[in-house]
Amino acid sequence: MVKFRSVLSILAGLSFWGAFAPLQWWPMAFLGSSFLFISLLDVPIKIRLFRAFLAGVSFFGPLLHWTGIYVGAFPWLALTFLEASIFALIGILAYQRNFRSSLHFALLFTLLELLRMKAPFGGFGWGRVGFTQISPLHNLYPLLSVTGISLLVSLVGAYLTKRRFRTLVMLTLLIICAPVISNSENSPVKAKLIITAVQGGVDELGLRFNARALSVLRHHAALTQGVPQGSDLIIWPENASDIDPIKDPAAASILWQTIRSAKTPLLIGAVEQGSVGPSNSSLLFSPTGELNSRYIKQDLAPFGEYMPIRPIVEFFNSYAERVIDFQPGDHWVRPKIKDLTFASLICFEVLDDDHVRSGAEGTNFLIAQTNNATFGTSSQAKQQLQITQARAAELNREFAVVSTTGWTAHIGSRGQKLATIPQFQPGTLRMEITGERGETFAGHLRSWMWAVGLSVLLMFSRWRYRR
């Protein structure tokens, strides 16, 4: 039985992983919760912590394998063990096969997801179970948010171990009824916007694509010149211009010729060079070439756009020396096209609940600009698209997603993929965005509210149990 439980903890981690891309089998998240809960039943705390850690490694190992594709195994293993160590804290509580323990398990599981989202180094919320249930539970996202979906999945998964028929009935009814539940109130359609996203591609996948930045810029410019008239906005991905298009004459010339040909507002992802350091920017140009707005990415990716504990990291991995610390922005910019207001989320920024919610305030739709070329043919791009779908559903906002190499997509306000460009295939995607804006209950929830509420409920339930 002891060996079986240890194997079950590994199966738990693999099941959680199966709910994410590339497999995206949503029932696996429930199965992972069940397997993990069973493996922790009626054993001492040391064994619980070990088994939970084992589940974490088998979960984050395959999930985050893309982090080490071009920089070696050290970053991948370090991140895997760090995330698994936080995940292992689910074992600090003792569990029995009853509803109270199932509730304690779900509350702590969700709190640990919030902890991973915020810490350390600003957090890394990749791999939250709440990102996996768009297909069956999309209509619950506006009410429960990503955090609430994680709580629901972990609770139902743990309680399924009771093997009670009514639990299965409850889960079945939940999935059946979810499509008719709606918490958002849609405002009247103000206008419709035609957006064309340009997936220009790169000459070479991996880290070296930056060495051919001018070529990447030319790819996007060439495709843009072929876009038919009629678009209200053309969007380019993050890093479409890794050469400063304001200061560099060659890049500025290419950009000016493109805008003059398109005669359409153009939103581009660019790296700008400042006196302190570079910035990851989203720049909106008018049809006459004027710079209408500049948004600078605020939530920078640790170890990718800046290097925490640099001396230690560089000692273990020489690739860290190549990471130049970017300078973060300090406020949101919400441009307007045809009376429709939007905000741009740049790559990593889709991960943090509070950051996404603050950016979405006052908008009619959202744009996600990203560059996935640095992760090759891995599942990273599809996992990120999965996260963005969950954001669309919980905020009731359409997303225009544009990537250098894919996935470029139009995501509906329920999280559904309306249209995509195949990965690694350069092309353009024309999408019609409506001016409908729905405020959701989930959009008003902040992570501190969840953290306080879940902690109080957990402590109260434990206190009642001990009495």
Protein backbone atom coordinates (compact mmCIF):
# COMPACT_ATOMS: atom_id res chain seq x y z
CA MET A 1 0.00 0.00 0.00
CA VAL A 2 2.86 2.40 0.83
CA LYS A 3 4.50 1.89 -2.58
CA PHE A 4 1.12 2.17 -4.29
CA ARG A 5 0.44 5.53 -2.61
CA SER A 6 3.83 6.86 -3.73
CA VAL A 7 3.10 5.77 -7.30
CA LEU A 8 -0.30 7.41 -6.96
CA SER A 9 1.32 10.73 -6.05
CA ILE A 10 3.36 10.56 -9.28
CA LEU A 11 0.19 9.76 -11.23
CA ALA A 12 -1.42 12.77 -9.55
CA GLY A 13 1.25 15.09 -10.91
CA LEU A 14 1.06 13.58 -14.39
CA SER A 15 -2.73 13.91 -14.32
CA PHE A 16 -2.51 17.61 -13.50
CA TRP A 17 -0.06 18.02 -16.36
CA GLY A 18 -2.48 16.22 -18.71
CA ALA A 19 -5.05 18.96 -18.17
CA PHE A 20 -2.71 21.48 -19.78
CA ALA A 21 -1.44 21.76 -23.34
CA PRO A 22 -0.46 19.80 -25.32
CA LEU A 23 -3.04 17.25 -24.12
CA GLN A 24 -5.63 19.62 -22.59
CA TRP A 25 -7.83 16.85 -21.22
CA TRP A 26 -9.81 18.82 -18.65
CA PRO A 27 -11.07 15.78 -16.63
CA MET A 28 -7.44 15.03 -15.73
CA ALA A 29 -7.45 17.98 -13.30
CA PHE A 30 -10.21 16.31 -11.25
CA LEU A 31 -8.36 13.00 -11.43
CA GLY A 32 -5.12 14.64 -10.28
CA SER A 33 -6.87 16.13 -7.25
CA SER A 34 -8.35 12.73 -6.37
CA PHE A 35 -5.03 10.89 -6.71
CA LEU A 36 -3.16 13.50 -4.67
CA PHE A 37 -5.77 13.49 -1.90
CA ILE A 38 -5.73 9.68 -1.65
CA SER A 39 -1.93 9.61 -1.49
CA LEU A 40 -1.99 11.94 1.55
CA LEU A 41 -4.64 10.11 3.58
CA ASP A 42 -3.80 8.81 7.07
CA VAL A 43 0.01 9.11 6.93
CA PRO A 44 2.53 11.13 9.01
CA ILE A 45 3.49 14.64 7.95
CA LYS A 46 6.95 13.67 6.62
CA ILE A 47 5.40 11.16 4.23
CA ARG A 48 2.72 13.66 3.20
CA LEU A 49 5.29 16.32 2.39
CA PHE A 50 7.43 13.84 0.44
CA ARG A 51 4.51 12.53 -1.59
CA ALA A 52 3.21 16.01 -2.33
CA PHE A 53 6.69 17.05 -3.44
CA LEU A 54 6.86 13.96 -5.65
CA ALA A 55 3.53 14.93 -7.20
CA GLY A 56 4.81 18.48 -7.73
CA VAL A 57 7.94 17.31 -9.53
CA SER A 58 5.97 14.97 -11.80
CA PHE A 59 3.59 17.86 -12.54
CA PHE A 60 5.94 20.80 -13.09
CA GLY A 61 8.73 18.75 -14.67
CA PRO A 62 6.90 18.03 -17.94
CA LEU A 63 4.78 21.19 -17.73
CA LEU A 64 7.77 23.57 -17.61
CA HIS A 65 10.21 21.61 -19.75
CA TRP A 66 10.16 24.45 -22.28
CA THR A 67 12.06 26.71 -19.86
CA GLY A 68 15.30 24.82 -20.52
CA ILE A 69 15.10 24.22 -24.27
CA TYR A 70 17.83 26.66 -25.29
CA VAL A 71 19.51 27.52 -21.97
CA GLY A 72 20.23 24.08 -20.54
CA ALA A 73 18.61 21.94 -17.87
CA PHE A 74 19.52 24.06 -14.84
CA PRO A 75 16.77 26.73 -15.17
CA TRP A 76 14.17 24.05 -15.87
CA LEU A 77 15.18 21.89 -12.89
CA ALA A 78 15.56 24.87 -10.56
CA LEU A 79 12.09 26.18 -11.41
CA THR A 80 10.58 22.69 -11.20
CA PHE A 81 11.97 22.07 -7.72
CA LEU A 82 11.03 25.55 -6.53
CA GLU A 83 7.42 25.18 -7.68
CA ALA A 84 7.27 21.61 -6.36
CA SER A 85 8.51 22.78 -2.95
CA ILE A 86 5.63 25.23 -2.67
CA PHE A 87 3.24 22.60 -4.01
CA ALA A 88 4.47 20.17 -1.33
CA LEU A 89 3.08 22.38 1.44
CA ILE A 90 -0.31 20.80 0.74
CA GLY A 91 1.03 18.03 2.98
CA ILE A 92 1.25 20.12 6.16
CA LEU A 93 -2.34 19.19 7.06
CA ALA A 94 -3.57 15.72 7.98
CA TYR A 95 -6.44 14.36 5.91
CA GLN A 96 -9.12 11.75 6.30
CA ARG A 97 -11.69 10.44 3.86
CA ASN A 98 -14.52 12.88 4.69
CA PHE A 99 -15.95 16.16 3.45
CA ARG A 100 -14.18 18.30 6.05
CA SER A 101 -10.78 17.04 4.97
CA SER A 102 -11.75 17.46 1.31
CA LEU A 103 -12.60 21.08 2.06
CA HIS A 104 -9.33 21.64 3.93
CA PHE A 105 -7.43 20.10 1.03
CA ALA A 106 -9.15 22.36 -1.53
CA LEU A 107 -8.70 25.52 0.55
CA LEU A 108 -4.99 24.91 1.10
CA PHE A 109 -4.49 23.82 -2.53
CA THR A 110 -5.98 27.10 -3.77
CA LEU A 111 -4.03 29.21 -1.26
CA LEU A 112 -0.80 27.63 -2.46
CA GLU A 113 -1.69 28.47 -6.05
CA LEU A 114 -2.11 32.10 -5.00
CA LEU A 115 1.24 31.95 -3.22
CA ARG A 116 2.97 30.63 -6.35
CA MET A 117 1.36 33.43 -8.34
CA LYS A 118 2.85 36.09 -6.05
CA ALA A 119 6.16 34.71 -4.74
CA PRO A 120 9.07 34.46 -4.96
CA PHE A 121 10.49 37.18 -7.25
CA GLY A 122 7.04 38.47 -8.10
CA GLY A 123 5.59 35.00 -8.59
CA PHE A 124 5.07 32.54 -11.41
CA GLY A 125 1.45 31.45 -11.71
CA TRP A 126 1.95 28.95 -14.54
CA GLY A 127 0.16 25.65 -13.97
CA ARG A 128 -2.89 26.82 -12.01
CA VAL A 129 -5.72 24.31 -12.30
CA GLY A 130 -8.19 27.13 -12.87
CA PHE A 131 -6.76 27.63 -16.36
CA THR A 132 -7.89 24.18 -17.55
CA GLN A 133 -11.70 24.17 -17.42
CA ILE A 134 -12.73 26.49 -20.25
CA SER A 135 -14.44 23.72 -22.20
CA PRO A 136 -16.91 22.48 -19.57
CA LEU A 137 -17.17 25.43 -17.16
CA HIS A 138 -16.63 28.60 -19.20
CA ASN A 139 -19.83 30.20 -17.87
CA LEU A 140 -18.67 29.82 -14.28
CA TYR A 141 -15.50 31.86 -14.82
CA PRO A 142 -17.25 35.28 -14.69
CA LEU A 143 -18.61 34.31 -11.28
CA LEU A 144 -15.81 32.27 -9.71
CA SER A 145 -12.69 33.51 -11.56
CA VAL A 146 -9.62 31.36 -12.17
CA THR A 147 -9.07 31.06 -8.40
CA GLY A 148 -12.61 29.90 -7.75
CA ILE A 149 -12.39 27.30 -10.50
CA SER A 150 -9.23 25.91 -8.87
CA LEU A 151 -11.09 25.68 -5.57
CA LEU A 152 -14.04 23.93 -7.19
CA VAL A 153 -11.93 21.39 -9.10
CA SER A 154 -9.74 20.48 -6.11
CA LEU A 155 -12.78 20.16 -3.82
CA VAL A 156 -14.79 17.98 -6.19
CA GLY A 157 -11.71 15.90 -7.04
CA ALA A 158 -10.94 15.24 -3.39
CA TYR A 159 -14.55 14.49 -2.48
CA LEU A 160 -14.85 12.04 -5.36
CA THR A 161 -12.70 9.70 -3.28
CA LYS A 162 -15.76 9.09 -1.10
CA ARG A 163 -17.03 7.02 -4.06
CA ARG A 164 -20.51 8.35 -3.49
CA PHE A 165 -22.99 8.35 -6.31
CA ARG A 166 -24.31 11.77 -5.33
CA THR A 167 -20.88 13.32 -5.84
CA LEU A 168 -20.79 12.09 -9.41
CA VAL A 169 -24.33 13.37 -9.92
CA MET A 170 -23.33 16.79 -8.52
CA LEU A 171 -20.35 17.03 -10.87
CA THR A 172 -22.45 15.96 -13.86
CA LEU A 173 -25.16 18.52 -13.09
CA LEU A 174 -22.53 21.22 -12.65
CA ILE A 175 -21.07 20.56 -16.09
CA ILE A 176 -24.53 20.37 -17.67
CA CYS A 177 -25.80 23.57 -16.02
CA ALA A 178 -22.64 25.64 -16.41
CA PRO A 179 -23.42 26.71 -20.01
CA VAL A 180 -26.68 28.38 -18.92
CA ILE A 181 -25.18 30.22 -15.93
CA SER A 182 -24.10 33.75 -16.69
CA ASN A 183 -23.01 36.36 -14.18
CA SER A 184 -21.97 39.12 -16.55
CA GLU A 185 -24.18 41.99 -17.69
CA ASN A 186 -23.37 43.05 -21.23
CA SER A 187 -23.58 46.67 -22.26
CA PRO A 188 -25.04 47.53 -25.67
CA VAL A 189 -22.72 47.10 -28.62
CA LYS A 190 -21.10 50.50 -29.18
CA ALA A 191 -19.21 49.70 -32.37
CA LYS A 192 -17.41 47.01 -34.26
CA LEU A 193 -13.72 47.04 -34.91
CA ILE A 194 -11.83 45.24 -37.66
CA ILE A 195 -8.40 44.21 -36.38
CA THR A 196 -5.75 42.47 -38.44
CA ALA A 197 -3.07 40.59 -36.51
CA VAL A 198 0.26 39.95 -38.24
CA GLN A 199 2.22 36.80 -37.38
CA GLY A 200 5.45 37.56 -39.20
CA GLY A 201 7.61 34.63 -38.09
CA VAL A 202 11.36 34.60 -37.49
CA ASP A 203 14.36 33.33 -39.43
CA GLU A 204 15.46 31.06 -36.61
CA LEU A 205 13.73 29.73 -33.49
CA GLY A 206 15.48 30.11 -30.16
CA LEU A 207 17.49 32.85 -28.52
CA ARG A 208 19.45 33.77 -31.65
CA PHE A 209 16.46 35.30 -33.42
CA ASN A 210 17.38 38.59 -31.69
CA ALA A 211 20.56 38.67 -33.76
CA ARG A 212 18.39 39.02 -36.86
CA ALA A 213 16.04 41.61 -35.44
CA LEU A 214 15.96 43.76 -38.57
CA SER A 215 14.95 40.70 -40.60
CA VAL A 216 12.08 39.96 -38.17
CA LEU A 217 10.92 43.56 -38.55
CA ARG A 218 11.01 43.21 -42.34
CA HIS A 219 8.92 40.01 -42.17
CA HIS A 220 6.14 41.85 -40.33
CA ALA A 221 6.40 44.87 -42.59
CA ALA A 222 6.12 42.76 -45.76
CA LEU A 223 3.02 40.94 -44.54
CA THR A 224 1.44 44.20 -43.42
CA GLN A 225 1.82 45.72 -46.88
CA GLY A 226 -0.29 42.85 -48.20
CA VAL A 227 -3.18 43.47 -45.77
CA PRO A 228 -6.32 44.57 -47.69
CA GLN A 229 -7.78 47.99 -46.92
CA GLY A 230 -10.59 48.13 -44.41
CA SER A 231 -8.88 47.35 -41.10
CA ASP A 232 -9.34 49.79 -38.22
CA LEU A 233 -6.18 48.60 -36.48
CA ILE A 234 -3.21 46.42 -37.39
CA ILE A 235 -1.31 44.76 -34.55
CA TRP A 236 2.17 43.28 -34.39
CA PRO A 237 3.49 40.98 -31.65
CA GLU A 238 5.95 41.54 -28.85
CA ASN A 239 9.53 41.92 -30.18
CA ALA A 240 8.35 42.56 -33.72
CA SER A 241 10.93 45.35 -33.63
CA ASP A 242 13.80 44.42 -31.32
CA ILE A 243 15.64 47.41 -32.77
CA ASP A 244 14.39 50.70 -31.32
CA PRO A 245 12.03 51.99 -34.06
CA ILE A 246 12.25 55.52 -32.72
CA LYS A 247 16.03 55.91 -32.48
CA ASP A 248 17.36 53.52 -35.13
CA PRO A 249 17.23 55.04 -38.66
CA ALA A 250 16.90 51.70 -40.51
CA ALA A 251 14.06 50.46 -38.30
CA ALA A 252 12.34 53.85 -38.41
CA SER A 253 12.50 53.87 -42.20
CA ILE A 254 10.93 50.40 -42.49
CA LEU A 255 8.22 51.34 -40.03
CA TRP A 256 7.42 54.64 -41.77
CA GLN A 257 7.11 52.99 -45.17
CA THR A 258 4.81 50.33 -43.70
CA ILE A 259 2.51 52.86 -42.05
CA ARG A 260 2.36 55.00 -45.19
CA SER A 261 1.40 51.94 -47.22
CA ALA A 262 -1.16 50.58 -44.75
CA LYS A 263 -2.83 53.95 -44.00
CA THR A 264 -4.09 52.34 -40.79
CA PRO A 265 -3.22 52.74 -37.09
CA LEU A 266 -0.45 50.26 -36.24
CA LEU A 267 0.25 48.78 -32.80
CA ILE A 268 3.70 47.22 -32.54
CA GLY A 269 5.72 45.42 -29.88
CA ALA A 270 9.17 46.99 -29.68
CA VAL A 271 12.29 47.12 -27.53
CA GLU A 272 13.19 50.72 -26.81
CA GLN A 273 16.58 51.81 -25.54
CA GLY A 274 16.52 54.19 -22.59
CA SER A 275 19.28 55.87 -20.60
CA VAL A 276 18.86 53.40 -17.71
CA GLY A 277 18.10 50.29 -19.75
CA PRO A 278 15.77 48.82 -22.38
CA SER A 279 12.01 48.67 -22.07
CA ASN A 280 9.48 46.26 -23.55
CA SER A 281 6.95 48.58 -25.17
CA SER A 282 3.66 48.53 -27.03
CA LEU A 283 3.61 51.52 -29.38
CA LEU A 284 0.54 52.80 -31.22
CA PHE A 285 1.21 54.82 -34.38
CA SER A 286 -1.39 56.86 -36.26
CA PRO A 287 -1.88 56.50 -40.04
CA THR A 288 0.32 59.58 -40.43
CA GLY A 289 3.17 58.02 -38.45
CA GLU A 290 2.69 59.94 -35.21
CA LEU A 291 3.25 58.07 -31.95
CA ASN A 292 -0.18 58.17 -30.29
CA SER A 293 0.54 56.08 -27.18
CA ARG A 294 3.30 54.15 -25.46
CA TYR A 295 2.68 51.36 -22.94
CA ILE A 296 5.72 49.94 -21.17
CA LYS A 297 5.43 46.43 -19.76
CA GLN A 298 5.04 46.59 -15.99
CA ASP A 299 5.09 42.95 -14.87
CA LEU A 300 8.51 41.73 -16.04
CA ALA A 301 9.40 38.05 -16.25
CA PRO A 302 12.03 37.13 -13.64
CA PHE A 303 15.15 35.46 -15.10
CA GLY A 304 13.95 36.44 -18.58
CA GLU A 305 13.64 40.23 -18.53
CA TYR A 306 15.53 40.86 -15.33
CA MET A 307 17.81 38.71 -13.21
CA PRO A 308 17.10 38.33 -9.47
CA ILE A 309 20.03 37.17 -7.31
CA ARG A 310 22.22 37.65 -10.37
CA PRO A 311 25.61 36.56 -8.87
CA ILE A 312 24.19 33.22 -7.72
CA VAL A 313 22.38 32.49 -10.98
CA GLU A 314 25.37 33.43 -13.12
CA PHE A 315 27.56 31.11 -11.06
CA PHE A 316 25.38 28.14 -12.03
CA ASN A 317 24.46 29.16 -15.59
CA SER A 318 26.48 31.33 -17.96
CA TYR A 319 23.39 32.16 -20.03
CA ALA A 320 22.29 34.46 -17.20
CA GLU A 321 25.02 36.90 -18.21
CA ARG A 322 23.12 37.53 -21.46
CA VAL A 323 19.98 38.71 -19.66
CA ILE A 324 19.86 42.50 -19.67
CA ASP A 325 17.64 43.98 -16.98
CA PHE A 326 14.65 45.69 -18.56
CA GLN A 327 13.04 48.74 -16.97
CA PRO A 328 9.39 48.28 -15.97
CA GLY A 329 6.59 50.73 -16.65
CA ASP A 330 4.52 52.14 -13.81
CA HIS A 331 1.04 52.71 -15.24
CA TRP A 332 -1.53 51.41 -17.71
CA VAL A 333 -2.21 53.07 -21.05
CA ARG A 334 -5.64 52.54 -22.61
CA PRO A 335 -5.80 53.79 -26.21
CA LYS A 336 -9.06 54.24 -28.09
CA ILE A 337 -9.92 53.22 -31.65
CA LYS A 338 -13.37 54.18 -33.00
CA ASP A 339 -14.64 54.86 -29.46
CA LEU A 340 -13.50 51.40 -28.29
CA THR A 341 -10.97 51.34 -25.47
CA PHE A 342 -8.40 48.59 -25.11
CA ALA A 343 -5.29 47.70 -23.14
CA SER A 344 -2.31 45.59 -24.16
CA LEU A 345 -1.01 42.73 -22.03
CA ILE A 346 2.52 41.80 -22.98
CA CYS A 347 3.36 38.08 -22.70
CA PHE A 348 4.04 37.28 -19.01
CA GLU A 349 1.46 39.84 -17.88
CA VAL A 350 -1.48 37.44 -18.41
CA LEU A 351 -0.38 35.39 -15.36
CA ASP A 352 -1.15 37.65 -12.40
CA ASP A 353 -4.84 38.00 -11.48
CA ASP A 354 -4.58 41.50 -10.03
CA HIS A 355 -2.48 42.84 -12.87
CA VAL A 356 -4.90 41.56 -15.51
CA ARG A 357 -7.91 42.95 -13.66
CA SER A 358 -6.39 46.40 -13.24
CA GLY A 359 -5.49 46.48 -16.94
CA ALA A 360 -8.99 45.44 -18.00
CA GLU A 361 -10.74 48.23 -16.08
CA GLY A 362 -12.57 50.55 -18.42
CA THR A 363 -11.78 48.57 -21.57
CA ASN A 364 -14.02 47.14 -24.28
CA PHE A 365 -11.54 44.46 -25.37
CA LEU A 366 -7.95 43.38 -24.70
CA ILE A 367 -4.89 42.71 -26.82
CA ALA A 368 -2.21 40.18 -25.88
CA GLN A 369 1.15 40.67 -27.60
CA THR A 370 3.69 37.88 -27.16
CA ASN A 371 6.82 36.34 -28.60
CA ASN A 372 7.07 32.56 -28.38
CA ALA A 373 10.05 32.05 -30.70
CA THR A 374 12.41 31.63 -27.74
CA PHE A 375 10.66 28.38 -26.75
CA GLY A 376 10.91 26.55 -30.07
CA THR A 377 8.36 23.87 -30.88
CA SER A 378 7.44 23.26 -27.23
CA SER A 379 3.95 23.50 -25.70
CA GLN A 380 4.67 26.90 -24.13
CA ALA A 381 2.73 28.87 -26.74
CA LYS A 382 -0.35 26.69 -26.48
CA GLN A 383 -0.24 26.77 -22.67
CA GLN A 384 -0.11 30.55 -22.80
CA LEU A 385 -3.06 30.63 -25.16
CA GLN A 386 -4.93 28.40 -22.71
CA ILE A 387 -4.24 30.94 -19.95
CA THR A 388 -5.46 33.81 -22.15
CA GLN A 389 -8.68 31.93 -22.90
CA ALA A 390 -9.36 31.69 -19.16
CA ARG A 391 -8.74 35.43 -18.80
CA ALA A 392 -11.20 36.18 -21.58
CA ALA A 393 -13.89 34.06 -19.91
CA GLU A 394 -13.50 35.47 -16.40
CA LEU A 395 -13.48 39.10 -17.61
CA ASN A 396 -16.03 38.65 -20.42
CA ARG A 397 -13.64 40.37 -22.83
CA GLU A 398 -12.65 39.48 -26.36
CA PHE A 399 -8.92 39.08 -26.87
CA ALA A 400 -6.88 39.75 -29.97
CA VAL A 401 -3.76 37.62 -29.47
CA VAL A 402 -0.75 38.18 -31.73
CA SER A 403 2.50 36.21 -31.63
CA THR A 404 5.68 36.20 -33.68
CA THR A 405 5.41 32.47 -34.38
CA GLY A 406 2.01 31.51 -32.94
CA TRP A 407 -0.46 31.09 -31.65
CA THR A 408 -2.08 34.20 -33.06
CA ALA A 409 -5.80 34.00 -32.29
CA HIS A 410 -9.15 35.70 -31.88
CA ILE A 411 -10.61 34.65 -28.53
CA GLY A 412 -14.27 35.25 -27.76
CA SER A 413 -15.63 36.63 -24.50
CA ARG A 414 -16.45 33.11 -23.29
CA GLY A 415 -12.88 31.95 -23.81
CA GLN A 416 -13.57 30.14 -27.08
CA LYS A 417 -11.09 30.22 -29.96
CA LEU A 418 -12.89 31.89 -32.86
CA ALA A 419 -9.99 31.85 -35.32
CA THR A 420 -6.26 31.08 -35.29
CA ILE A 421 -3.19 31.14 -37.49
CA PRO A 422 -1.30 27.83 -37.39
CA GLN A 423 1.89 27.94 -35.39
CA PHE A 424 5.09 28.69 -37.37
CA GLN A 425 3.06 29.71 -40.42
CA PRO A 426 3.47 33.43 -41.23
CA GLY A 427 0.21 35.09 -42.05
CA THR A 428 -2.44 37.61 -41.11
CA LEU A 429 -5.66 37.12 -39.18
CA ARG A 430 -8.62 39.45 -39.71
CA MET A 431 -11.00 39.56 -36.74
CA GLU A 432 -14.14 41.51 -35.91
CA ILE A 433 -14.19 42.81 -32.34
CA THR A 434 -17.49 44.05 -30.90
CA GLY A 435 -17.79 46.96 -28.50
CA GLU A 436 -19.69 44.86 -25.99
CA ARG A 437 -18.28 45.18 -22.50
CA GLY A 438 -19.54 43.00 -19.69
CA GLU A 439 -18.63 43.64 -16.08
CA THR A 440 -18.24 40.41 -14.11
CA PHE A 441 -18.18 39.58 -10.43
CA ALA A 442 -14.81 37.87 -10.94
CA GLY A 443 -13.42 41.10 -12.35
CA HIS A 444 -13.88 42.78 -8.97
CA LEU A 445 -12.19 40.07 -6.93
CA ARG A 446 -8.59 40.67 -5.88
CA SER A 447 -6.18 37.99 -4.81
CA TRP A 448 -5.96 39.41 -1.28
CA MET A 449 -9.73 38.94 -0.93
CA TRP A 450 -9.40 35.31 -1.91
CA ALA A 451 -6.37 34.82 0.37
CA VAL A 452 -8.11 36.34 3.40
CA GLY A 453 -11.41 34.55 2.75
CA LEU A 454 -9.88 31.13 2.18
CA SER A 455 -7.53 31.48 5.17
CA VAL A 456 -10.35 32.48 7.53
CA LEU A 457 -12.54 29.63 6.30
CA LEU A 458 -9.70 27.14 6.70
CA MET A 459 -8.82 28.32 10.22
CA PHE A 460 -12.46 28.40 11.29
CA SER A 461 -13.10 24.90 9.97
CA ARG A 462 -9.96 23.57 11.69
CA TRP A 463 -10.99 25.24 14.95
CA ARG A 464 -14.47 23.72 14.79
CA TYR A 465 -12.97 20.34 14.03
CA ARG A 466 -10.63 20.46 17.04
CA ARG A 467 -13.43 21.53 19.36
